[in-house]
PDB file of N, CA and C in Angstrom:
ATOM      1  N   UNK A   1      90.627  53.500 195.864  1.00  0.00           N
ATOM      2  CA  UNK A   1      90.380  54.856 195.771  1.00  0.00           C
ATOM      3  C   UNK A   1      88.929  55.040 195.351  1.00  0.00           C
ATOM      4  N   UNK A   2      88.128  55.861 195.984  1.00  0.00           N
ATOM      5  CA  UNK A   2      86.783  56.073 195.663  1.00  0.00           C
ATOM      6  C   UNK A   2      86.567  56.875 194.403  1.00  0.00           C
ATOM      7  N   UNK A   3      85.396  56.555 193.835  1.00  0.00           N
ATOM      8  CA  UNK A   3      85.108  57.220 192.526  1.00  0.00           C
ATOM      9  C   UNK A   3      85.133  58.674 192.644  1.00  0.00           C
ATOM     10  N   UNK A   4      84.657  59.246 193.784  1.00  0.00           N
ATOM     11  CA  UNK A   4      84.624  60.692 193.878  1.00  0.00           C
ATOM     12  C   UNK A   4      86.068  61.314 194.020  1.00  0.00           C
ATOM     13  N   UNK A   5      86.923  60.605 194.783  1.00  0.00           N
ATOM     14  CA  UNK A   5      88.366  61.047 194.787  1.00  0.00           C
ATOM     15  C   UNK A   5      89.004  60.973 193.453  1.00  0.00           C
ATOM     16  N   UNK A   6      88.805  59.986 192.779  1.00  0.00           N
ATOM     17  CA  UNK A   6      89.402  59.715 191.390  1.00  0.00           C
ATOM     18  C   UNK A   6      88.921  60.717 190.454  1.00  0.00           C
ATOM     19  N   UNK A   7      87.648  61.157 190.559  1.00  0.00           N
ATOM     20  CA  UNK A   7      87.091  62.208 189.591  1.00  0.00           C
ATOM     21  C   UNK A   7      87.559  63.508 189.965  1.00  0.00           C
ATOM     22  N   UNK A   8      87.863  63.724 191.244  1.00  0.00           N
ATOM     23  CA  UNK A   8      88.392  65.098 191.690  1.00  0.00           C
ATOM     24  C   UNK A   8      89.752  65.201 191.134  1.00  0.00           C
ATOM     25  N   UNK A   9      90.511  64.147 191.320  1.00  0.00           N
ATOM     26  CA  UNK A   9      92.032  64.159 190.860  1.00  0.00           C
ATOM     27  C   UNK A   9      92.124  64.329 189.290  1.00  0.00           C
ATOM     28  N   UNK A  10      91.152  63.646 188.605  1.00  0.00           N
ATOM     29  CA  UNK A  10      91.114  63.786 187.222  1.00  0.00           C
ATOM     30  C   UNK A  10      90.780  65.181 186.763  1.00  0.00           C
ATOM     31  N   UNK A  11      89.774  65.823 187.409  1.00  0.00           N
ATOM     32  CA  UNK A  11      89.424  67.205 187.145  1.00  0.00           C
ATOM     33  C   UNK A  11      90.544  68.110 187.371  1.00  0.00           C
ATOM     34  N   UNK A  12      91.170  68.062 188.545  1.00  0.00           N
ATOM     35  CA  UNK A  12      92.331  68.809 188.809  1.00  0.00           C
ATOM     36  C   UNK A  12      93.522  68.667 187.861  1.00  0.00           C
ATOM     37  N   UNK A  13      93.776  67.448 187.395  1.00  0.00           N
ATOM     38  CA  UNK A  13      94.759  67.271 186.263  1.00  0.00           C
ATOM     39  C   UNK A  13      94.443  68.092 185.081  1.00  0.00           C
ATOM     40  N   UNK A  14      93.143  67.857 184.680  1.00  0.00           N
ATOM     41  CA  UNK A  14      92.708  68.454 183.352  1.00  0.00           C
ATOM     42  C   UNK A  14      92.892  70.026 183.506  1.00  0.00           C
ATOM     43  N   UNK A  15      92.453  70.536 184.680  1.00  0.00           N
ATOM     44  CA  UNK A  15      92.463  72.064 184.825  1.00  0.00           C
ATOM     45  C   UNK A  15      94.001  72.493 184.934  1.00  0.00           C
ATOM     46  N   UNK A  16      94.833  71.832 185.560  1.00  0.00           N
ATOM     47  CA  UNK A  16      96.205  72.268 185.568  1.00  0.00           C
ATOM     48  C   UNK A  16      96.832  72.243 184.203  1.00  0.00           C
ATOM     49  N   UNK A  17      96.489  71.149 183.387  1.00  0.00           N
ATOM     50  CA  UNK A  17      97.097  71.004 181.970  1.00  0.00           C
ATOM     51  C   UNK A  17      96.385  72.021 181.102  1.00  0.00           C
ATOM     52  N   UNK A  18      95.232  72.452 181.238  1.00  0.00           N
ATOM     53  CA  UNK A  18      94.567  73.566 180.378  1.00  0.00           C
ATOM     54  C   UNK A  18      95.282  74.731 180.711  1.00  0.00           C
ATOM     55  N   UNK A  19      95.470  75.093 182.113  1.00  0.00           N
ATOM     56  CA  UNK A  19      96.128  76.311 182.579  1.00  0.00           C
ATOM     57  C   UNK A  19      97.586  76.492 182.112  1.00  0.00           C
ATOM     58  N   UNK A  20      98.237  75.376 181.955  1.00  0.00           N
ATOM     59  CA  UNK A  20      99.586  75.409 181.638  1.00  0.00           C
ATOM     60  C   UNK A  20      99.908  75.668 180.085  1.00  0.00           C
ATOM     61  N   UNK A  21      98.838  75.441 179.281  1.00  0.00           N
ATOM     62  CA  UNK A  21      98.994  75.736 177.883  1.00  0.00           C
ATOM     63  C   UNK A  21      99.415  77.273 177.666  1.00  0.00           C
ATOM     64  N   UNK A  22      99.955  77.492 176.517  1.00  0.00           N
ATOM     65  CA  UNK A  22     100.239  78.945 176.137  1.00  0.00           C
ATOM     66  C   UNK A  22      98.886  79.747 176.052  1.00  0.00           C
ATOM     67  N   UNK A  23      98.834  80.911 176.378  1.00  0.00           N
ATOM     68  CA  UNK A  23      97.690  81.775 176.353  1.00  0.00           C
ATOM     69  C   UNK A  23      97.256  81.922 174.832  1.00  0.00           C
ATOM     70  N   UNK A  24      95.936  82.052 174.622  1.00  0.00           N
ATOM     71  CA  UNK A  24      95.440  82.187 173.326  1.00  0.00           C
ATOM     72  C   UNK A  24      95.867  83.576 172.654  1.00  0.00           C
ATOM     73  N   UNK A  25      96.157  83.528 171.305  1.00  0.00           N
ATOM     74  CA  UNK A  25      96.469  84.848 170.793  1.00  0.00           C
ATOM     75  C   UNK A  25      95.234  85.628 170.581  1.00  0.00           C
ATOM     76  N   UNK A  26      95.308  86.948 170.664  1.00  0.00           N
ATOM     77  CA  UNK A  26      94.179  87.811 170.501  1.00  0.00           C
ATOM     78  C   UNK A  26      93.938  87.877 168.953  1.00  0.00           C
ATOM     79  N   UNK A  27      92.610  87.786 168.578  1.00  0.00           N
ATOM     80  CA  UNK A  27      92.327  87.855 167.100  1.00  0.00           C
ATOM     81  C   UNK A  27      91.932  89.191 166.867  1.00  0.00           C
ATOM     82  N   UNK A  28      92.569  89.808 165.803  1.00  0.00           N
ATOM     83  CA  UNK A  28      92.221  91.128 165.196  1.00  0.00           C
ATOM     84  C   UNK A  28      91.378  90.924 163.902  1.00  0.00           C
ATOM     85  N   UNK A  29      90.537  91.733 163.630  1.00  0.00           N
ATOM     86  CA  UNK A  29      89.748  91.657 162.364  1.00  0.00           C
ATOM     87  C   UNK A  29      90.392  92.631 161.357  1.00  0.00           C
ATOM     88  N   UNK A  30      90.509  92.072 160.086  1.00  0.00           N
ATOM     89  CA  UNK A  30      91.322  92.906 159.016  1.00  0.00           C
ATOM     90  C   UNK A  30      90.419  92.855 157.798  1.00  0.00           C
ATOM     91  N   UNK A  31      90.644  93.963 156.919  1.00  0.00           N
ATOM     92  CA  UNK A  31      90.005  94.099 155.767  1.00  0.00           C
ATOM     93  C   UNK A  31      91.300  93.816 154.609  1.00  0.00           C
ATOM     94  N   UNK A  32      91.027  92.881 153.825  1.00  0.00           N
ATOM     95  CA  UNK A  32      92.026  92.554 152.811  1.00  0.00           C
ATOM     96  C   UNK A  32      91.524  92.923 151.477  1.00  0.00           C
ATOM     97  N   UNK A  33      92.220  93.798 150.821  1.00  0.00           N
ATOM     98  CA  UNK A  33      91.827  94.239 149.458  1.00  0.00           C
ATOM     99  C   UNK A  33      92.691  93.452 148.416  1.00  0.00           C
ATOM    100  N   UNK A  34      91.928  92.766 147.487  1.00  0.00           N
ATOM    101  CA  UNK A  34      92.662  92.028 146.519  1.00  0.00           C
ATOM    102  C   UNK A  34      92.311  92.642 145.170  1.00  0.00           C
ATOM    103  N   UNK A  35      93.275  92.958 144.406  1.00  0.00           N
ATOM    104  CA  UNK A  35      93.070  93.464 143.019  1.00  0.00           C
ATOM    105  C   UNK A  35      92.961  92.271 142.076  1.00  0.00           C
ATOM    106  N   UNK A  36      91.903  91.963 141.608  1.00  0.00           N
ATOM    107  CA  UNK A  36      91.763  90.827 140.624  1.00  0.00           C
ATOM    108  C   UNK A  36      90.897  91.354 139.435  1.00  0.00           C
ATOM    109  N   UNK A  37      91.660  91.651 138.385  1.00  0.00           N
ATOM    110  CA  UNK A  37      90.782  92.205 137.133  1.00  0.00           C
ATOM    111  C   UNK A  37      89.752  91.299 136.733  1.00  0.00           C
ATOM    112  N   UNK A  38      88.555  91.847 136.466  1.00  0.00           N
ATOM    113  CA  UNK A  38      87.442  91.210 136.130  1.00  0.00           C
ATOM    114  C   UNK A  38      86.738  90.272 137.223  1.00  0.00           C
ATOM    115  N   UNK A  39      86.996  90.669 138.411  1.00  0.00           N
ATOM    116  CA  UNK A  39      86.444  89.891 139.605  1.00  0.00           C
ATOM    117  C   UNK A  39      84.956  89.861 139.577  1.00  0.00           C
ATOM    118  N   UNK A  40      84.360  90.949 139.255  1.00  0.00           N
ATOM    119  CA  UNK A  40      82.930  91.001 139.283  1.00  0.00           C
ATOM    120  C   UNK A  40      82.129  90.269 138.104  1.00  0.00           C
ATOM    121  N   UNK A  41      83.014  89.871 137.100  1.00  0.00           N
ATOM    122  CA  UNK A  41      82.464  89.141 135.942  1.00  0.00           C
ATOM    123  C   UNK A  41      82.746  87.641 136.179  1.00  0.00           C
ATOM    124  N   UNK A  42      83.427  87.233 137.341  1.00  0.00           N
ATOM    125  CA  UNK A  42      83.638  85.780 137.449  1.00  0.00           C
ATOM    126  C   UNK A  42      82.215  85.074 137.667  1.00  0.00           C
ATOM    127  N   UNK A  43      82.251  83.852 137.211  1.00  0.00           N
ATOM    128  CA  UNK A  43      81.051  83.038 137.469  1.00  0.00           C
ATOM    129  C   UNK A  43      80.971  82.454 138.776  1.00  0.00           C
ATOM    130  N   UNK A  44      79.804  82.065 139.134  1.00  0.00           N
ATOM    131  CA  UNK A  44      79.647  81.443 140.523  1.00  0.00           C
ATOM    132  C   UNK A  44      80.503  80.266 140.683  1.00  0.00           C
ATOM    133  N   UNK A  45      80.724  79.514 139.596  1.00  0.00           N
ATOM    134  CA  UNK A  45      81.764  78.297 139.698  1.00  0.00           C
ATOM    135  C   UNK A  45      83.120  78.841 139.907  1.00  0.00           C
ATOM    136  N   UNK A  46      83.646  79.859 139.252  1.00  0.00           N
ATOM    137  CA  UNK A  46      84.844  80.414 139.537  1.00  0.00           C
ATOM    138  C   UNK A  46      84.996  80.958 140.980  1.00  0.00           C
ATOM    139  N   UNK A  47      83.994  81.565 141.423  1.00  0.00           N
ATOM    140  CA  UNK A  47      83.925  82.047 142.822  1.00  0.00           C
ATOM    141  C   UNK A  47      84.078  80.888 143.764  1.00  0.00           C
ATOM    142  N   UNK A  48      83.312  79.871 143.486  1.00  0.00           N
ATOM    143  CA  UNK A  48      83.298  78.604 144.319  1.00  0.00           C
ATOM    144  C   UNK A  48      84.769  78.005 144.382  1.00  0.00           C
ATOM    145  N   UNK A  49      85.379  77.903 143.173  1.00  0.00           N
ATOM    146  CA  UNK A  49      86.683  77.379 143.135  1.00  0.00           C
ATOM    147  C   UNK A  49      87.716  78.195 143.984  1.00  0.00           C
ATOM    148  N   UNK A  50      87.641  79.331 143.876  1.00  0.00           N
ATOM    149  CA  UNK A  50      88.505  80.371 144.770  1.00  0.00           C
ATOM    150  C   UNK A  50      88.276  80.133 146.224  1.00  0.00           C
ATOM    151  N   UNK A  51      86.989  79.957 146.532  1.00  0.00           N
ATOM    152  CA  UNK A  51      86.522  79.740 148.025  1.00  0.00           C
ATOM    153  C   UNK A  51      87.199  78.439 148.394  1.00  0.00           C
ATOM    154  N   UNK A  52      87.063  77.412 147.593  1.00  0.00           N
ATOM    155  CA  UNK A  52      87.497  76.041 147.959  1.00  0.00           C
ATOM    156  C   UNK A  52      89.024  76.095 148.117  1.00  0.00           C
ATOM    157  N   UNK A  53      89.773  76.805 147.257  1.00  0.00           N
ATOM    158  CA  UNK A  53      91.174  76.880 147.435  1.00  0.00           C
ATOM    159  C   UNK A  53      91.582  77.521 148.693  1.00  0.00           C
ATOM    160  N   UNK A  54      90.907  78.589 148.908  1.00  0.00           N
ATOM    161  CA  UNK A  54      91.199  79.450 150.147  1.00  0.00           C
ATOM    162  C   UNK A  54      90.988  78.484 151.426  1.00  0.00           C
ATOM    163  N   UNK A  55      89.781  77.817 151.357  1.00  0.00           N
ATOM    164  CA  UNK A  55      89.399  77.064 152.600  1.00  0.00           C
ATOM    165  C   UNK A  55      90.543  75.999 152.736  1.00  0.00           C
ATOM    166  N   UNK A  56      91.091  75.335 151.725  1.00  0.00           N
ATOM    167  CA  UNK A  56      91.937  74.146 151.754  1.00  0.00           C
ATOM    168  C   UNK A  56      93.292  74.843 152.376  1.00  0.00           C
ATOM    169  N   UNK A  57      93.584  76.106 152.083  1.00  0.00           N
ATOM    170  CA  UNK A  57      94.884  76.638 152.626  1.00  0.00           C
ATOM    171  C   UNK A  57      94.642  76.954 154.068  1.00  0.00           C
ATOM    172  N   UNK A  58      93.501  77.438 154.368  1.00  0.00           N
ATOM    173  CA  UNK A  58      93.080  77.825 155.734  1.00  0.00           C
ATOM    174  C   UNK A  58      93.202  76.635 156.720  1.00  0.00           C
ATOM    175  N   UNK A  59      92.991  75.524 156.240  1.00  0.00           N
ATOM    176  CA  UNK A  59      92.982  74.337 157.148  1.00  0.00           C
ATOM    177  C   UNK A  59      94.463  74.108 157.703  1.00  0.00           C
ATOM    178  N   UNK A  60      95.449  74.471 157.055  1.00  0.00           N
ATOM    179  CA  UNK A  60      96.867  74.295 157.438  1.00  0.00           C
ATOM    180  C   UNK A  60      97.206  74.989 158.716  1.00  0.00           C
ATOM    181  N   UNK A  61      96.981  76.177 158.996  1.00  0.00           N
ATOM    182  CA  UNK A  61      97.329  76.783 160.245  1.00  0.00           C
ATOM    183  C   UNK A  61      96.206  76.615 161.298  1.00  0.00           C
ATOM    184  N   UNK A  62      95.212  76.085 160.897  1.00  0.00           N
ATOM    185  CA  UNK A  62      94.140  75.757 161.988  1.00  0.00           C
ATOM    186  C   UNK A  62      93.349  77.027 162.267  1.00  0.00           C
ATOM    187  N   UNK A  63      92.852  77.108 163.529  1.00  0.00           N
ATOM    188  CA  UNK A  63      91.898  78.165 163.862  1.00  0.00           C
ATOM    189  C   UNK A  63      92.508  79.478 164.089  1.00  0.00           C
ATOM    190  N   UNK A  64      93.771  79.642 163.840  1.00  0.00           N
ATOM    191  CA  UNK A  64      94.529  80.901 164.161  1.00  0.00           C
ATOM    192  C   UNK A  64      94.114  81.925 163.108  1.00  0.00           C
ATOM    193  N   UNK A  65      93.545  81.499 161.986  1.00  0.00           N
ATOM    194  CA  UNK A  65      93.094  82.522 160.866  1.00  0.00           C
ATOM    195  C   UNK A  65      91.677  82.184 160.379  1.00  0.00           C
ATOM    196  N   UNK A  66      90.817  83.008 160.172  1.00  0.00           N
ATOM    197  CA  UNK A  66      89.480  82.728 159.916  1.00  0.00           C
ATOM    198  C   UNK A  66      89.044  83.703 158.837  1.00  0.00           C
ATOM    199  N   UNK A  67      88.548  83.199 157.694  1.00  0.00           N
ATOM    200  CA  UNK A  67      87.961  84.055 156.583  1.00  0.00           C
ATOM    201  C   UNK A  67      86.517  84.143 157.011  1.00  0.00           C
ATOM    202  N   UNK A  68      86.074  85.385 157.248  1.00  0.00           N
ATOM    203  CA  UNK A  68      84.644  85.775 157.576  1.00  0.00           C
ATOM    204  C   UNK A  68      83.766  85.807 156.473  1.00  0.00           C
ATOM    205  N   UNK A  69      84.049  86.730 155.450  1.00  0.00           N
ATOM    206  CA  UNK A  69      83.255  86.727 154.251  1.00  0.00           C
ATOM    207  C   UNK A  69      84.041  87.712 153.345  1.00  0.00           C
ATOM    208  N   UNK A  70      83.545  87.835 152.027  1.00  0.00           N
ATOM    209  CA  UNK A  70      84.137  88.717 151.034  1.00  0.00           C
ATOM    210  C   UNK A  70      82.938  89.426 150.235  1.00  0.00           C
ATOM    211  N   UNK A  71      83.463  90.664 149.712  1.00  0.00           N
ATOM    212  CA  UNK A  71      82.622  91.388 148.770  1.00  0.00           C
ATOM    213  C   UNK A  71      83.351  91.484 147.480  1.00  0.00           C
ATOM    214  N   UNK A  72      82.597  91.196 146.381  1.00  0.00           N
ATOM    215  CA  UNK A  72      83.274  91.242 144.998  1.00  0.00           C
ATOM    216  C   UNK A  72      82.678  92.549 144.377  1.00  0.00           C
ATOM    217  N   UNK A  73      83.628  93.432 144.084  1.00  0.00           N
ATOM    218  CA  UNK A  73      83.068  94.696 143.451  1.00  0.00           C
ATOM    219  C   UNK A  73      84.007  95.214 142.446  1.00  0.00           C
ATOM    220  N   UNK A  74      83.619  95.332 141.221  1.00  0.00           N
ATOM    221  CA  UNK A  74      84.599  95.792 140.154  1.00  0.00           C
ATOM    222  C   UNK A  74      85.703  94.735 139.943  1.00  0.00           C
ATOM    223  N   UNK A  75      86.891  95.358 140.048  1.00  0.00           N
ATOM    224  CA  UNK A  75      88.095  94.508 139.891  1.00  0.00           C
ATOM    225  C   UNK A  75      88.749  94.234 141.202  1.00  0.00           C
ATOM    226  N   UNK A  76      88.033  94.238 142.171  1.00  0.00           N
ATOM    227  CA  UNK A  76      88.550  93.981 143.526  1.00  0.00           C
ATOM    228  C   UNK A  76      87.705  93.018 144.330  1.00  0.00           C
ATOM    229  N   UNK A  77      88.332  92.302 145.258  1.00  0.00           N
ATOM    230  CA  UNK A  77      87.554  91.464 146.176  1.00  0.00           C
ATOM    231  C   UNK A  77      88.055  91.986 147.630  1.00  0.00           C
ATOM    232  N   UNK A  78      87.136  92.430 148.489  1.00  0.00           N
ATOM    233  CA  UNK A  78      87.336  92.870 149.704  1.00  0.00           C
ATOM    234  C   UNK A  78      86.961  91.672 150.776  1.00  0.00           C
ATOM    235  N   UNK A  79      87.953  91.253 151.518  1.00  0.00           N
ATOM    236  CA  UNK A  79      87.771  90.091 152.323  1.00  0.00           C
ATOM    237  C   UNK A  79      87.909  90.505 153.767  1.00  0.00           C
ATOM    238  N   UNK A  80      87.131  89.975 154.696  1.00  0.00           N
ATOM    239  CA  UNK A  80      87.295  90.208 156.061  1.00  0.00           C
ATOM    240  C   UNK A  80      87.735  88.964 156.731  1.00  0.00           C
ATOM    241  N   UNK A  81      88.899  89.190 157.418  1.00  0.00           N
ATOM    242  CA  UNK A  81      89.546  87.958 158.167  1.00  0.00           C
ATOM    243  C   UNK A  81      89.681  88.266 159.667  1.00  0.00           C
ATOM    244  N   UNK A  82      89.813  87.278 160.301  1.00  0.00           N
ATOM    245  CA  UNK A  82      90.241  87.347 161.796  1.00  0.00           C
ATOM    246  C   UNK A  82      91.557  86.629 161.896  1.00  0.00           C
ATOM    247  N   UNK A  83      92.580  87.243 162.518  1.00  0.00           N
ATOM    248  CA  UNK A  83      93.827  86.577 162.596  1.00  0.00           C
ATOM    249  C   UNK A  83      94.517  87.334 163.720  1.00  0.00           C
ATOM    250  N   UNK A  84      95.569  86.689 164.370  1.00  0.00           N
ATOM    251  CA  UNK A  84      96.312  87.394 165.365  1.00  0.00           C
ATOM    252  C   UNK A  84      97.408  88.343 164.774  1.00  0.00           C
ATOM    253  N   UNK A  85      97.653  88.239 163.475  1.00  0.00           N
ATOM    254  CA  UNK A  85      98.652  89.185 162.906  1.00  0.00           C
ATOM    255  C   UNK A  85      98.396  89.320 161.272  1.00  0.00           C
ATOM    256  N   UNK A  86      98.904  90.460 160.802  1.00  0.00           N
ATOM    257  CA  UNK A  86      98.814  90.619 159.271  1.00  0.00           C
ATOM    258  C   UNK A  86      99.835  89.567 158.654  1.00  0.00           C
ATOM    259  N   UNK A  87     100.875  89.146 159.351  1.00  0.00           N
ATOM    260  CA  UNK A  87     101.726  88.184 158.696  1.00  0.00           C
ATOM    261  C   UNK A  87     101.024  86.934 158.238  1.00  0.00           C
ATOM    262  N   UNK A  88     100.246  86.435 159.253  1.00  0.00           N
ATOM    263  CA  UNK A  88      99.420  85.166 158.872  1.00  0.00           C
ATOM    264  C   UNK A  88      98.547  85.352 157.666  1.00  0.00           C
ATOM    265  N   UNK A  89      97.921  86.492 157.525  1.00  0.00           N
ATOM    266  CA  UNK A  89      96.968  86.793 156.377  1.00  0.00           C
ATOM    267  C   UNK A  89      98.044  86.790 155.130  1.00  0.00           C
ATOM    268  N   UNK A  90      99.232  87.477 155.119  1.00  0.00           N
ATOM    269  CA  UNK A  90     100.017  87.505 153.992  1.00  0.00           C
ATOM    270  C   UNK A  90     100.597  85.981 153.754  1.00  0.00           C
ATOM    271  N   UNK A  91     100.733  85.171 154.669  1.00  0.00           N
ATOM    272  CA  UNK A  91     101.183  83.802 154.312  1.00  0.00           C
ATOM    273  C   UNK A  91     100.107  83.050 153.703  1.00  0.00           C
ATOM    274  N   UNK A  92      98.806  83.261 154.123  1.00  0.00           N
ATOM    275  CA  UNK A  92      97.636  82.628 153.496  1.00  0.00           C
ATOM    276  C   UNK A  92      97.522  83.126 152.019  1.00  0.00           C
ATOM    277  N   UNK A  93      97.764  84.405 151.847  1.00  0.00           N
ATOM    278  CA  UNK A  93      97.623  84.986 150.447  1.00  0.00           C
ATOM    279  C   UNK A  93      98.711  84.318 149.494  1.00  0.00           C
ATOM    280  N   UNK A  94     100.001  84.210 150.045  1.00  0.00           N
ATOM    281  CA  UNK A  94     101.070  83.592 149.165  1.00  0.00           C
ATOM    282  C   UNK A  94     100.713  82.153 148.922  1.00  0.00           C
ATOM    283  N   UNK A  95     100.329  81.371 149.940  1.00  0.00           N
ATOM    284  CA  UNK A  95     100.116  79.911 149.769  1.00  0.00           C
ATOM    285  C   UNK A  95      98.912  79.714 148.831  1.00  0.00           C
ATOM    286  N   UNK A  96      97.904  80.614 148.885  1.00  0.00           N
ATOM    287  CA  UNK A  96      96.660  80.409 148.153  1.00  0.00           C
ATOM    288  C   UNK A  96      96.770  80.930 146.684  1.00  0.00           C
ATOM    289  N   UNK A  97      97.695  81.842 146.502  1.00  0.00           N
ATOM    290  CA  UNK A  97      97.887  82.362 145.157  1.00  0.00           C
ATOM    291  C   UNK A  97      97.041  83.610 144.907  1.00  0.00           C
ATOM    292  N   UNK A  98      96.477  84.086 145.998  1.00  0.00           N
ATOM    293  CA  UNK A  98      95.650  85.285 145.754  1.00  0.00           C
ATOM    294  C   UNK A  98      96.314  86.545 146.295  1.00  0.00           C
ATOM    295  N   UNK A  99      96.237  87.537 145.584  1.00  0.00           N
ATOM    296  CA  UNK A  99      96.975  88.846 145.937  1.00  0.00           C
ATOM    297  C   UNK A  99      96.348  89.342 147.309  1.00  0.00           C
ATOM    298  N   UNK A 100      97.203  90.095 148.033  1.00  0.00           N
ATOM    299  CA  UNK A 100      96.737  90.833 149.322  1.00  0.00           C
ATOM    300  C   UNK A 100      97.268  92.249 149.077  1.00  0.00           C
ATOM    301  N   UNK A 101      96.827  92.935 148.207  1.00  0.00           N
ATOM    302  CA  UNK A 101      97.411  94.208 147.875  1.00  0.00           C
ATOM    303  C   UNK A 101      97.383  95.309 149.148  1.00  0.00           C
ATOM    304  N   UNK A 102      96.361  95.163 149.861  1.00  0.00           N
ATOM    305  CA  UNK A 102      96.327  96.114 151.074  1.00  0.00           C
ATOM    306  C   UNK A 102      95.634  95.262 152.220  1.00  0.00           C
ATOM    307  N   UNK A 103      96.272  95.283 153.368  1.00  0.00           N
ATOM    308  CA  UNK A 103      95.693  94.791 154.546  1.00  0.00           C
ATOM    309  C   UNK A 103      95.642  95.867 155.674  1.00  0.00           C
ATOM    310  N   UNK A 104      94.311  96.093 156.063  1.00  0.00           N
ATOM    311  CA  UNK A 104      94.017  97.122 157.115  1.00  0.00           C
ATOM    312  C   UNK A 104      93.373  96.590 158.336  1.00  0.00           C
ATOM    313  N   UNK A 105      93.949  96.759 159.450  1.00  0.00           N
ATOM    314  CA  UNK A 105      93.198  96.378 160.601  1.00  0.00           C
ATOM    315  C   UNK A 105      91.885  97.150 160.829  1.00  0.00           C
ATOM    316  N   UNK A 106      90.856  96.477 161.201  1.00  0.00           N
ATOM    317  CA  UNK A 106      89.512  97.112 161.370  1.00  0.00           C
ATOM    318  C   UNK A 106      89.498  97.654 162.723  1.00  0.00           C
ATOM    319  N   UNK A 107      89.240  98.892 162.929  1.00  0.00           N
ATOM    320  CA  UNK A 107      89.005  99.519 164.207  1.00  0.00           C
ATOM    321  C   UNK A 107      87.742  99.289 164.842  1.00  0.00           C
ATOM    322  N   UNK A 108      86.740  99.534 164.001  1.00  0.00           N
ATOM    323  CA  UNK A 108      85.363  99.442 164.584  1.00  0.00           C
ATOM    324  C   UNK A 108      84.426  99.048 163.351  1.00  0.00           C
ATOM    325  N   UNK A 109      83.250  98.508 163.708  1.00  0.00           N
ATOM    326  CA  UNK A 109      82.217  98.254 162.842  1.00  0.00           C
ATOM    327  C   UNK A 109      80.953  98.971 163.255  1.00  0.00           C
ATOM    328  N   UNK A 110      80.452  99.586 162.235  1.00  0.00           N
ATOM    329  CA  UNK A 110      79.191 100.480 162.529  1.00  0.00           C
ATOM    330  C   UNK A 110      78.134 100.115 161.462  1.00  0.00           C
ATOM    331  N   UNK A 111      76.927 100.395 161.914  1.00  0.00           N
ATOM    332  CA  UNK A 111      75.820 100.219 161.054  1.00  0.00           C
ATOM    333  C   UNK A 111      74.744 101.397 161.408  1.00  0.00           C
ATOM    334  N   UNK A 112      73.660 101.476 160.524  1.00  0.00           N
ATOM    335  CA  UNK A 112      72.625 102.518 160.837  1.00  0.00           C
ATOM    336  C   UNK A 112      72.120 102.621 162.371  1.00  0.00           C
ATOM    337  N   UNK A 113      72.142 101.358 162.976  1.00  0.00           N
ATOM    338  CA  UNK A 113      71.551 101.320 164.332  1.00  0.00           C
ATOM    339  C   UNK A 113      72.460 102.097 165.347  1.00  0.00           C
ATOM    340  N   UNK A 114      73.573 102.366 165.099  1.00  0.00           N
ATOM    341  CA  UNK A 114      74.476 102.969 166.073  1.00  0.00           C
ATOM    342  C   UNK A 114      73.988 104.462 166.493  1.00  0.00           C
ATOM    343  N   UNK A 115      73.240 105.090 165.561  1.00  0.00           N
ATOM    344  CA  UNK A 115      72.746 106.393 165.809  1.00  0.00           C
ATOM    345  C   UNK A 115      71.681 106.259 166.884  1.00  0.00           C
ATOM    346  N   UNK A 116      71.038 105.333 167.097  1.00  0.00           N
ATOM    347  CA  UNK A 116      69.877 105.177 167.979  1.00  0.00           C
ATOM    348  C   UNK A 116      70.240 104.335 169.249  1.00  0.00           C
ATOM    349  N   UNK A 117      71.403 103.868 169.358  1.00  0.00           N
ATOM    350  CA  UNK A 117      71.812 103.073 170.652  1.00  0.00           C
ATOM    351  C   UNK A 117      72.027 104.109 171.748  1.00  0.00           C
ATOM    352  N   UNK A 118      71.674 103.726 172.955  1.00  0.00           N
ATOM    353  CA  UNK A 118      71.951 104.450 174.146  1.00  0.00           C
ATOM    354  C   UNK A 118      73.429 104.662 174.285  1.00  0.00           C
ATOM    355  N   UNK A 119      73.765 105.887 174.823  1.00  0.00           N
ATOM    356  CA  UNK A 119      75.262 106.155 175.114  1.00  0.00           C
ATOM    357  C   UNK A 119      75.696 105.420 176.349  1.00  0.00           C
TER     358      UNK A 119
END
């Protein structure tokens, strides 16, 4: 069998296998509100420890859930996540030991530049 024919068959096999896999789930962005008394008084070391714990739990489900970033303000931490469902975020919260007091799907993201963008 020639190299060209072999490569063509190999490519066709890979293409069929990739197409046969289940379709990827759609990722939705969520805002997660966590009530943590004294959150804004936590040291950088405490915040690092929380991030490390969250990252360790995030490795379990793989790429189906992603922590984008968080804002620490007062007695709350507001986290932005991407996930296919709210359920997966609640599972992450339960396993990591962090509260998820409110989970809200993000409909749009805007900033000051939206006022000057062409319609």
